[in-house]
Amino acid sequence: MIAWPRARRKRLALPIRLGDLYEIQKLLRGVSFLEALETIFVRQHAHPCWTLMALYSCNTLHGKQTSLAPGPWTAAEKRVVEAVRSSVDRSLRLGWDVRVDAAETEKDVKLARLSFAGEEVGTCHKLSRSQILPALPPLGPGGCIDFFAVCGAVHQETVDESGALHCGRYRTITP
């Protein structure tokens, strides 16, 4: 009975464990953010950093949104890691050079609102009174609902002669 979960784990590729990437994780924990942005650091460590980020993304899509668990890779995990590494090689070989405008990024971040699930939610825009008034119901009883049109005969019997609705002993709605 104890051997089955262990054997089952060897066949699973996800979630992926840290494996040989523990060194880059240790290095990243000891480096400041500004040091990691330097060109020399990026050139030396771009490949393992992108690999680590892609494996984290795979685990997140699998439903485990935490850092990679320590431990060696199984054969199935090694196949996934090799596929990710070849994709990273291809991406780095193409050499995408994206210039980021800090002011534009800050503007986008300020305008974006996220829900608790992490999805982007549209922001509200200020409306003038002339834009709001046509959407409101007309003055007077225009927004009222006829109670007898939506309730059944049983509920209609609970209305007394004054027009008050009774539920059991409690008087709930008065005209």
N, C-alpha and C. Protein backbone atom coordinates (compact mmCIF):
# COMPACT_ATOMS: atom_id res chain seq x y z
N MET A 1 0.82 -1.20 0.00
CA MET A 1 0.00 0.00 0.00
C MET A 1 0.86 1.26 0.00
N ILE A 2 2.00 1.23 0.63
CA ILE A 2 2.87 2.40 0.69
C ILE A 2 3.58 2.62 -0.64
N ALA A 3 3.88 1.56 -1.38
CA ALA A 3 4.63 1.68 -2.63
C ALA A 3 3.81 2.32 -3.74
N TRP A 4 2.49 2.22 -3.69
CA TRP A 4 1.67 2.73 -4.79
C TRP A 4 1.79 4.25 -4.97
N PRO A 5 1.64 5.11 -3.93
CA PRO A 5 1.79 6.54 -4.16
C PRO A 5 3.19 6.91 -4.67
N ARG A 6 4.21 6.20 -4.21
CA ARG A 6 5.56 6.48 -4.66
C ARG A 6 5.72 6.12 -6.14
N ALA A 7 5.21 4.96 -6.54
CA ALA A 7 5.28 4.55 -7.93
C ALA A 7 4.46 5.50 -8.81
N ARG A 8 3.34 5.94 -8.31
CA ARG A 8 2.49 6.84 -9.07
C ARG A 8 3.20 8.17 -9.28
N ARG A 9 3.92 8.66 -8.29
CA ARG A 9 4.64 9.93 -8.40
C ARG A 9 5.72 9.85 -9.48
N LYS A 10 6.34 8.70 -9.67
CA LYS A 10 7.40 8.58 -10.67
C LYS A 10 6.87 8.73 -12.09
N ARG A 11 5.60 8.43 -12.29
CA ARG A 11 5.03 8.53 -13.63
C ARG A 11 4.48 9.92 -13.93
N LEU A 12 4.34 10.78 -12.92
CA LEU A 12 3.75 12.10 -13.12
C LEU A 12 4.81 13.11 -13.54
N ALA A 13 4.45 13.96 -14.48
CA ALA A 13 5.36 15.03 -14.91
C ALA A 13 5.07 16.34 -14.19
N LEU A 14 3.84 16.50 -13.73
CA LEU A 14 3.45 17.74 -13.05
C LEU A 14 2.88 17.43 -11.68
N PRO A 15 3.15 18.23 -10.70
CA PRO A 15 3.97 19.43 -10.70
C PRO A 15 5.46 19.09 -10.76
N ILE A 16 6.21 19.96 -11.40
CA ILE A 16 7.64 19.76 -11.59
C ILE A 16 8.38 20.24 -10.34
N ARG A 17 9.37 19.47 -9.95
CA ARG A 17 10.19 19.87 -8.80
C ARG A 17 11.39 20.69 -9.27
N LEU A 18 12.15 21.19 -8.34
CA LEU A 18 13.25 22.11 -8.61
C LEU A 18 14.42 21.44 -9.33
N GLY A 19 14.75 20.22 -8.96
CA GLY A 19 15.81 19.48 -9.64
C GLY A 19 17.14 20.21 -9.66
N ASP A 20 17.75 20.30 -10.84
CA ASP A 20 19.07 20.93 -10.99
C ASP A 20 19.02 22.44 -10.93
N LEU A 21 17.85 23.03 -10.89
CA LEU A 21 17.74 24.48 -10.88
C LEU A 21 17.85 25.08 -9.48
N TYR A 22 18.18 24.27 -8.48
CA TYR A 22 18.31 24.80 -7.12
C TYR A 22 19.44 25.82 -7.04
N GLU A 23 20.47 25.67 -7.88
CA GLU A 23 21.60 26.62 -7.85
C GLU A 23 21.18 28.00 -8.32
N ILE A 24 20.39 28.07 -9.39
CA ILE A 24 19.96 29.38 -9.88
C ILE A 24 18.97 30.01 -8.91
N GLN A 25 18.14 29.19 -8.27
CA GLN A 25 17.22 29.74 -7.26
C GLN A 25 18.01 30.31 -6.08
N LYS A 26 19.03 29.60 -5.65
CA LYS A 26 19.88 30.07 -4.56
C LYS A 26 20.59 31.37 -4.97
N LEU A 27 21.08 31.44 -6.20
CA LEU A 27 21.74 32.64 -6.69
C LEU A 27 20.78 33.82 -6.73
N LEU A 28 19.56 33.60 -7.23
CA LEU A 28 18.57 34.68 -7.33
C LEU A 28 18.15 35.20 -5.96
N ARG A 29 18.11 34.33 -4.97
CA ARG A 29 17.76 34.78 -3.63
C ARG A 29 18.85 35.64 -3.00
N GLY A 30 20.08 35.49 -3.47
CA GLY A 30 21.18 36.26 -2.90
C GLY A 30 21.53 37.52 -3.67
N VAL A 31 20.79 37.82 -4.75
CA VAL A 31 21.10 38.97 -5.60
C VAL A 31 19.98 39.99 -5.48
N SER A 32 20.35 41.28 -5.46
CA SER A 32 19.33 42.32 -5.43
C SER A 32 18.69 42.44 -6.82
N PHE A 33 17.57 43.09 -6.86
CA PHE A 33 16.85 43.26 -8.13
C PHE A 33 17.68 44.08 -9.11
N LEU A 34 18.33 45.13 -8.64
CA LEU A 34 19.14 45.97 -9.52
C LEU A 34 20.35 45.21 -10.06
N GLU A 35 20.93 44.34 -9.25
CA GLU A 35 22.04 43.52 -9.74
C GLU A 35 21.57 42.54 -10.81
N ALA A 36 20.38 42.02 -10.65
CA ALA A 36 19.84 41.07 -11.63
C ALA A 36 19.51 41.75 -12.95
N LEU A 37 19.33 43.06 -12.97
CA LEU A 37 19.03 43.79 -14.20
C LEU A 37 20.28 44.14 -15.00
N GLU A 38 21.46 43.98 -14.42
CA GLU A 38 22.69 44.33 -15.12
C GLU A 38 22.90 43.39 -16.31
N THR A 39 23.47 43.94 -17.36
CA THR A 39 23.65 43.20 -18.62
C THR A 39 24.50 41.95 -18.43
N ILE A 40 25.55 42.04 -17.63
CA ILE A 40 26.44 40.89 -17.42
C ILE A 40 25.67 39.74 -16.75
N PHE A 41 24.88 40.05 -15.74
CA PHE A 41 24.11 39.02 -15.04
C PHE A 41 23.10 38.39 -15.99
N VAL A 42 22.45 39.22 -16.78
CA VAL A 42 21.43 38.72 -17.70
C VAL A 42 22.05 37.79 -18.74
N ARG A 43 23.19 38.17 -19.28
CA ARG A 43 23.84 37.32 -20.30
C ARG A 43 24.30 35.99 -19.71
N GLN A 44 24.76 36.00 -18.46
CA GLN A 44 25.25 34.77 -17.84
C GLN A 44 24.13 33.83 -17.41
N HIS A 45 23.02 34.39 -16.97
CA HIS A 45 22.00 33.56 -16.31
C HIS A 45 20.63 33.62 -16.96
N ALA A 46 20.53 34.11 -18.17
CA ALA A 46 19.21 34.22 -18.82
C ALA A 46 18.58 32.86 -19.03
N HIS A 47 19.34 31.89 -19.53
CA HIS A 47 18.77 30.58 -19.85
C HIS A 47 18.18 29.87 -18.62
N PRO A 48 18.93 29.70 -17.52
CA PRO A 48 18.31 29.02 -16.37
C PRO A 48 17.18 29.83 -15.73
N CYS A 49 17.27 31.16 -15.79
CA CYS A 49 16.19 31.98 -15.21
C CYS A 49 14.89 31.81 -16.01
N TRP A 50 15.00 31.84 -17.35
CA TRP A 50 13.81 31.64 -18.18
C TRP A 50 13.26 30.23 -18.00
N THR A 51 14.14 29.26 -17.85
CA THR A 51 13.69 27.89 -17.64
C THR A 51 12.93 27.77 -16.32
N LEU A 52 13.49 28.35 -15.28
CA LEU A 52 12.84 28.32 -13.96
C LEU A 52 11.47 29.00 -14.02
N MET A 53 11.40 30.14 -14.70
CA MET A 53 10.12 30.85 -14.81
C MET A 53 9.10 30.05 -15.61
N ALA A 54 9.54 29.40 -16.68
CA ALA A 54 8.62 28.60 -17.50
C ALA A 54 8.12 27.38 -16.73
N LEU A 55 8.98 26.75 -15.94
CA LEU A 55 8.55 25.60 -15.14
C LEU A 55 7.57 26.04 -14.06
N TYR A 56 7.81 27.20 -13.46
CA TYR A 56 6.85 27.74 -12.49
C TYR A 56 5.50 27.98 -13.16
N SER A 57 5.53 28.50 -14.40
CA SER A 57 4.28 28.74 -15.12
C SER A 57 3.55 27.43 -15.41
N CYS A 58 4.30 26.38 -15.75
CA CYS A 58 3.68 25.07 -15.98
C CYS A 58 2.99 24.58 -14.71
N ASN A 59 3.67 24.72 -13.58
CA ASN A 59 3.07 24.30 -12.31
C ASN A 59 1.83 25.14 -11.99
N THR A 60 1.89 26.42 -12.27
CA THR A 60 0.74 27.29 -12.01
C THR A 60 -0.45 26.86 -12.86
N LEU A 61 -0.22 26.56 -14.13
CA LEU A 61 -1.30 26.09 -14.99
C LEU A 61 -1.84 24.75 -14.53
N HIS A 62 -1.00 23.97 -13.89
CA HIS A 62 -1.42 22.67 -13.35
C HIS A 62 -2.22 22.84 -12.06
N GLY A 63 -2.13 24.02 -11.43
CA GLY A 63 -2.90 24.28 -10.21
C GLY A 63 -2.06 24.40 -8.96
N LYS A 64 -0.76 24.39 -9.08
CA LYS A 64 0.13 24.52 -7.91
C LYS A 64 0.88 25.82 -8.03
N GLN A 65 0.33 26.88 -7.45
CA GLN A 65 0.91 28.21 -7.60
C GLN A 65 1.82 28.53 -6.41
N THR A 66 2.86 27.73 -6.24
CA THR A 66 3.88 27.97 -5.23
C THR A 66 5.23 27.75 -5.89
N SER A 67 6.29 28.08 -5.17
CA SER A 67 7.62 27.85 -5.75
C SER A 67 7.83 26.36 -5.95
N LEU A 68 8.74 26.03 -6.84
CA LEU A 68 9.00 24.63 -7.16
C LEU A 68 9.51 23.90 -5.92
N ALA A 69 8.96 22.74 -5.65
CA ALA A 69 9.35 21.96 -4.49
C ALA A 69 10.76 21.41 -4.70
N PRO A 70 11.56 21.37 -3.65
CA PRO A 70 12.90 20.80 -3.81
C PRO A 70 12.83 19.31 -4.07
N GLY A 71 13.85 18.81 -4.74
CA GLY A 71 13.93 17.38 -5.02
C GLY A 71 14.38 17.11 -6.43
N PRO A 72 14.88 15.91 -6.66
CA PRO A 72 15.36 15.57 -8.01
C PRO A 72 14.19 15.34 -8.96
N TRP A 73 14.49 15.42 -10.26
CA TRP A 73 13.48 15.20 -11.28
C TRP A 73 13.30 13.71 -11.54
N THR A 74 12.07 13.33 -11.81
CA THR A 74 11.80 11.97 -12.27
C THR A 74 12.05 11.94 -13.78
N ALA A 75 11.95 10.78 -14.37
CA ALA A 75 12.16 10.66 -15.82
C ALA A 75 11.13 11.49 -16.59
N ALA A 76 9.89 11.48 -16.13
CA ALA A 76 8.84 12.26 -16.80
C ALA A 76 9.12 13.76 -16.66
N GLU A 77 9.55 14.18 -15.48
CA GLU A 77 9.88 15.59 -15.27
C GLU A 77 11.08 16.00 -16.13
N LYS A 78 12.06 15.12 -16.28
CA LYS A 78 13.23 15.43 -17.11
C LYS A 78 12.82 15.68 -18.55
N ARG A 79 11.86 14.91 -19.05
CA ARG A 79 11.39 15.11 -20.42
C ARG A 79 10.72 16.48 -20.56
N VAL A 80 9.95 16.87 -19.56
CA VAL A 80 9.30 18.19 -19.59
C VAL A 80 10.35 19.29 -19.54
N VAL A 81 11.33 19.13 -18.65
CA VAL A 81 12.38 20.14 -18.50
C VAL A 81 13.18 20.28 -19.79
N GLU A 82 13.49 19.18 -20.45
CA GLU A 82 14.23 19.24 -21.71
C GLU A 82 13.42 19.95 -22.79
N ALA A 83 12.11 19.70 -22.82
CA ALA A 83 11.25 20.39 -23.79
C ALA A 83 11.22 21.89 -23.50
N VAL A 84 11.13 22.25 -22.23
CA VAL A 84 11.12 23.67 -21.86
C VAL A 84 12.46 24.30 -22.20
N ARG A 85 13.55 23.60 -21.90
CA ARG A 85 14.88 24.14 -22.20
C ARG A 85 15.08 24.36 -23.70
N SER A 86 14.56 23.45 -24.52
CA SER A 86 14.70 23.65 -25.97
C SER A 86 13.87 24.85 -26.43
N SER A 87 12.71 25.07 -25.82
CA SER A 87 11.91 26.26 -26.15
C SER A 87 12.62 27.53 -25.72
N VAL A 88 13.25 27.50 -24.55
CA VAL A 88 14.01 28.66 -24.07
C VAL A 88 15.19 28.92 -25.00
N ASP A 89 15.89 27.85 -25.42
CA ASP A 89 17.00 28.01 -26.37
C ASP A 89 16.53 28.71 -27.64
N ARG A 90 15.40 28.25 -28.16
CA ARG A 90 14.85 28.82 -29.39
C ARG A 90 14.51 30.30 -29.20
N SER A 91 13.88 30.62 -28.07
CA SER A 91 13.49 32.01 -27.81
C SER A 91 14.71 32.91 -27.65
N LEU A 92 15.72 32.42 -26.94
CA LEU A 92 16.93 33.23 -26.75
C LEU A 92 17.72 33.36 -28.05
N ARG A 93 17.66 32.35 -28.88
CA ARG A 93 18.36 32.40 -30.16
C ARG A 93 17.73 33.45 -31.08
N LEU A 94 16.41 33.58 -31.02
CA LEU A 94 15.73 34.58 -31.84
C LEU A 94 16.07 35.99 -31.37
N GLY A 95 16.41 36.12 -30.11
CA GLY A 95 16.86 37.40 -29.58
C GLY A 95 15.81 38.48 -29.60
N TRP A 96 14.69 38.25 -28.95
CA TRP A 96 13.65 39.27 -28.87
C TRP A 96 14.20 40.43 -28.05
N ASP A 97 14.21 41.58 -28.64
CA ASP A 97 14.70 42.76 -27.95
C ASP A 97 13.52 43.71 -27.79
N VAL A 98 12.96 43.72 -26.61
CA VAL A 98 11.78 44.53 -26.34
C VAL A 98 12.19 45.68 -25.44
N ARG A 99 11.97 46.87 -25.91
CA ARG A 99 12.26 48.06 -25.11
C ARG A 99 10.99 48.42 -24.35
N VAL A 100 11.14 48.60 -23.08
CA VAL A 100 9.99 48.89 -22.22
C VAL A 100 10.05 50.36 -21.82
N ASP A 101 8.97 51.06 -22.09
CA ASP A 101 8.86 52.45 -21.70
C ASP A 101 8.29 52.48 -20.29
N ALA A 102 9.08 52.96 -19.34
CA ALA A 102 8.67 52.94 -17.93
C ALA A 102 7.41 53.77 -17.70
N ALA A 103 7.29 54.91 -18.34
CA ALA A 103 6.12 55.77 -18.15
C ALA A 103 4.86 55.10 -18.68
N GLU A 104 4.97 54.45 -19.84
CA GLU A 104 3.81 53.75 -20.44
C GLU A 104 3.40 52.56 -19.57
N THR A 105 4.38 51.83 -19.06
CA THR A 105 4.09 50.68 -18.19
C THR A 105 3.41 51.14 -16.91
N GLU A 106 3.89 52.22 -16.33
CA GLU A 106 3.29 52.74 -15.10
C GLU A 106 1.85 53.18 -15.35
N LYS A 107 1.61 53.79 -16.49
CA LYS A 107 0.25 54.22 -16.85
C LYS A 107 -0.67 53.01 -16.97
N ASP A 108 -0.19 51.95 -17.65
CA ASP A 108 -1.00 50.74 -17.82
C ASP A 108 -1.29 50.07 -16.48
N VAL A 109 -0.31 50.04 -15.60
CA VAL A 109 -0.49 49.40 -14.30
C VAL A 109 -1.48 50.20 -13.45
N LYS A 110 -1.42 51.51 -13.52
CA LYS A 110 -2.35 52.33 -12.73
C LYS A 110 -3.78 52.18 -13.21
N LEU A 111 -3.97 51.97 -14.52
CA LEU A 111 -5.32 51.84 -15.06
C LEU A 111 -5.89 50.44 -14.89
N ALA A 112 -5.03 49.45 -14.69
CA ALA A 112 -5.51 48.07 -14.59
C ALA A 112 -6.02 47.78 -13.19
N ARG A 113 -7.11 47.08 -13.11
CA ARG A 113 -7.67 46.64 -11.84
C ARG A 113 -7.84 45.13 -11.93
N LEU A 114 -7.47 44.42 -10.87
CA LEU A 114 -7.55 42.97 -10.87
C LEU A 114 -8.59 42.49 -9.86
N SER A 115 -9.28 41.42 -10.21
CA SER A 115 -10.22 40.80 -9.28
C SER A 115 -9.43 39.90 -8.34
N PHE A 116 -10.10 39.33 -7.35
CA PHE A 116 -9.42 38.43 -6.43
C PHE A 116 -8.91 37.18 -7.12
N ALA A 117 -9.48 36.83 -8.27
CA ALA A 117 -9.02 35.66 -9.02
C ALA A 117 -7.85 36.00 -9.93
N GLY A 118 -7.46 37.29 -10.00
CA GLY A 118 -6.34 37.69 -10.82
C GLY A 118 -6.71 38.10 -12.23
N GLU A 119 -7.99 38.18 -12.52
CA GLU A 119 -8.43 38.59 -13.85
C GLU A 119 -8.57 40.11 -13.89
N GLU A 120 -8.28 40.66 -15.06
CA GLU A 120 -8.37 42.11 -15.19
C GLU A 120 -9.84 42.53 -15.28
N VAL A 121 -10.18 43.53 -14.51
CA VAL A 121 -11.55 44.04 -14.44
C VAL A 121 -11.54 45.44 -15.03
N GLY A 122 -12.51 45.74 -15.85
CA GLY A 122 -12.60 47.07 -16.45
C GLY A 122 -12.79 48.14 -15.40
N THR A 123 -12.27 49.31 -15.67
CA THR A 123 -12.39 50.40 -14.71
C THR A 123 -13.63 51.23 -15.04
N CYS A 124 -14.16 51.86 -14.04
CA CYS A 124 -15.33 52.71 -14.23
C CYS A 124 -14.89 54.08 -14.73
N HIS A 125 -15.72 54.66 -15.56
CA HIS A 125 -15.44 56.00 -16.07
C HIS A 125 -16.44 56.95 -15.46
N LYS A 126 -16.02 58.16 -15.18
CA LYS A 126 -16.91 59.16 -14.61
C LYS A 126 -17.93 59.56 -15.67
N LEU A 127 -19.20 59.57 -15.26
CA LEU A 127 -20.28 59.93 -16.17
C LEU A 127 -20.90 61.24 -15.71
N SER A 128 -21.37 61.99 -16.67
CA SER A 128 -22.05 63.24 -16.34
C SER A 128 -23.51 62.95 -16.03
N ARG A 129 -24.18 63.92 -15.46
CA ARG A 129 -25.60 63.77 -15.12
C ARG A 129 -26.43 63.53 -16.38
N SER A 130 -26.06 64.19 -17.47
CA SER A 130 -26.82 64.03 -18.71
C SER A 130 -26.66 62.62 -19.30
N GLN A 131 -25.58 61.93 -18.96
CA GLN A 131 -25.41 60.56 -19.43
C GLN A 131 -26.18 59.56 -18.56
N ILE A 132 -26.39 59.89 -17.30
CA ILE A 132 -27.04 58.98 -16.36
C ILE A 132 -28.56 59.07 -16.45
N LEU A 133 -29.12 60.27 -16.58
CA LEU A 133 -30.57 60.47 -16.51
C LEU A 133 -31.38 59.64 -17.50
N PRO A 134 -30.97 59.46 -18.74
CA PRO A 134 -31.79 58.64 -19.65
C PRO A 134 -31.90 57.17 -19.23
N ALA A 135 -30.98 56.67 -18.43
CA ALA A 135 -31.01 55.27 -18.03
C ALA A 135 -31.88 55.03 -16.79
N LEU A 136 -32.29 56.08 -16.11
CA LEU A 136 -33.11 55.93 -14.90
C LEU A 136 -34.57 55.71 -15.26
N PRO A 137 -35.33 55.01 -14.38
CA PRO A 137 -36.77 54.83 -14.64
C PRO A 137 -37.49 56.16 -14.52
N PRO A 138 -38.68 56.26 -15.10
CA PRO A 138 -39.42 57.53 -15.05
C PRO A 138 -39.84 57.86 -13.61
N LEU A 139 -40.12 59.13 -13.37
CA LEU A 139 -40.58 59.57 -12.05
C LEU A 139 -41.94 58.96 -11.73
N GLY A 140 -42.22 58.81 -10.45
CA GLY A 140 -43.49 58.25 -10.03
C GLY A 140 -43.42 56.75 -9.91
N PRO A 141 -44.54 56.06 -10.13
CA PRO A 141 -44.59 54.60 -9.94
C PRO A 141 -44.05 53.81 -11.13
N GLY A 142 -43.23 54.41 -11.96
CA GLY A 142 -42.73 53.73 -13.15
C GLY A 142 -41.85 52.53 -12.82
N GLY A 143 -41.20 52.52 -11.67
CA GLY A 143 -40.32 51.42 -11.32
C GLY A 143 -40.98 50.39 -10.43
N CYS A 144 -42.27 50.48 -10.19
CA CYS A 144 -42.96 49.55 -9.31
C CYS A 144 -43.36 48.29 -10.05
N ILE A 145 -43.46 47.20 -9.30
CA ILE A 145 -43.88 45.92 -9.86
C ILE A 145 -45.22 45.56 -9.21
N ASP A 146 -46.18 45.16 -10.03
CA ASP A 146 -47.48 44.74 -9.50
C ASP A 146 -47.30 43.39 -8.79
N PHE A 147 -47.50 43.38 -7.47
CA PHE A 147 -47.28 42.20 -6.66
C PHE A 147 -48.20 41.06 -7.09
N PHE A 148 -49.45 41.35 -7.38
CA PHE A 148 -50.42 40.30 -7.70
C PHE A 148 -50.14 39.66 -9.06
N ALA A 149 -49.38 40.33 -9.90
CA ALA A 149 -49.06 39.76 -11.21
C ALA A 149 -47.99 38.68 -11.11
N VAL A 150 -47.16 38.72 -10.05
CA VAL A 150 -46.07 37.77 -9.94
C VAL A 150 -46.27 36.72 -8.86
N CYS A 151 -47.28 36.87 -7.99
CA CYS A 151 -47.47 35.88 -6.93
C CYS A 151 -48.66 34.98 -7.23
N GLY A 152 -48.68 33.87 -6.57
CA GLY A 152 -49.76 32.91 -6.76
C GLY A 152 -50.97 33.22 -5.90
N ALA A 153 -52.00 32.36 -6.01
CA ALA A 153 -53.26 32.57 -5.29
C ALA A 153 -53.05 32.45 -3.79
N VAL A 154 -52.15 31.60 -3.34
CA VAL A 154 -51.91 31.42 -1.91
C VAL A 154 -51.43 32.72 -1.28
N HIS A 155 -50.53 33.41 -1.95
CA HIS A 155 -50.00 34.67 -1.41
C HIS A 155 -51.03 35.79 -1.49
N GLN A 156 -51.89 35.74 -2.51
CA GLN A 156 -52.89 36.78 -2.62
C GLN A 156 -53.88 36.71 -1.47
N GLU A 157 -54.09 35.51 -0.92
CA GLU A 157 -55.01 35.36 0.20
C GLU A 157 -54.46 35.94 1.49
N THR A 158 -53.13 36.12 1.57
CA THR A 158 -52.54 36.63 2.81
C THR A 158 -52.56 38.15 2.88
N VAL A 159 -53.10 38.80 1.86
CA VAL A 159 -53.21 40.26 1.90
C VAL A 159 -54.54 40.62 2.56
N ASP A 160 -54.46 41.42 3.61
CA ASP A 160 -55.70 41.78 4.32
C ASP A 160 -56.38 42.96 3.63
N GLU A 161 -57.49 43.43 4.24
CA GLU A 161 -58.27 44.48 3.61
C GLU A 161 -57.54 45.81 3.52
N SER A 162 -56.54 46.03 4.38
CA SER A 162 -55.79 47.29 4.29
C SER A 162 -54.72 47.24 3.19
N GLY A 163 -54.50 46.04 2.63
CA GLY A 163 -53.50 45.91 1.58
C GLY A 163 -52.14 45.47 2.09
N ALA A 164 -52.03 45.13 3.39
CA ALA A 164 -50.76 44.70 3.95
C ALA A 164 -50.57 43.21 3.71
N LEU A 165 -49.36 42.81 3.41
CA LEU A 165 -49.04 41.41 3.16
C LEU A 165 -48.59 40.77 4.47
N HIS A 166 -49.15 39.61 4.80
CA HIS A 166 -48.79 38.90 6.01
C HIS A 166 -48.14 37.57 5.66
N CYS A 167 -47.00 37.30 6.30
CA CYS A 167 -46.34 36.00 6.17
C CYS A 167 -46.35 35.39 7.57
N GLY A 168 -47.19 34.42 7.79
CA GLY A 168 -47.31 33.86 9.13
C GLY A 168 -47.89 34.91 10.05
N ARG A 169 -47.15 35.23 11.15
CA ARG A 169 -47.63 36.22 12.11
C ARG A 169 -47.12 37.61 11.80
N TYR A 170 -46.16 37.73 10.88
CA TYR A 170 -45.47 39.01 10.69
C TYR A 170 -46.04 39.78 9.50
N ARG A 171 -46.21 41.02 9.71
CA ARG A 171 -46.65 41.91 8.64
C ARG A 171 -45.38 42.45 7.96
N THR A 172 -45.22 42.15 6.69
CA THR A 172 -43.93 42.45 6.05
C THR A 172 -43.98 43.62 5.08
N ILE A 173 -45.06 43.78 4.34
CA ILE A 173 -45.12 44.85 3.37
C ILE A 173 -46.39 45.64 3.59
N THR A 174 -46.23 46.93 3.70
CA THR A 174 -47.42 47.78 3.82
C THR A 174 -47.46 48.72 2.64
N PRO A 175 -48.64 49.04 2.18
CA PRO A 175 -48.75 49.94 1.02
C PRO A 175 -48.44 51.39 1.39
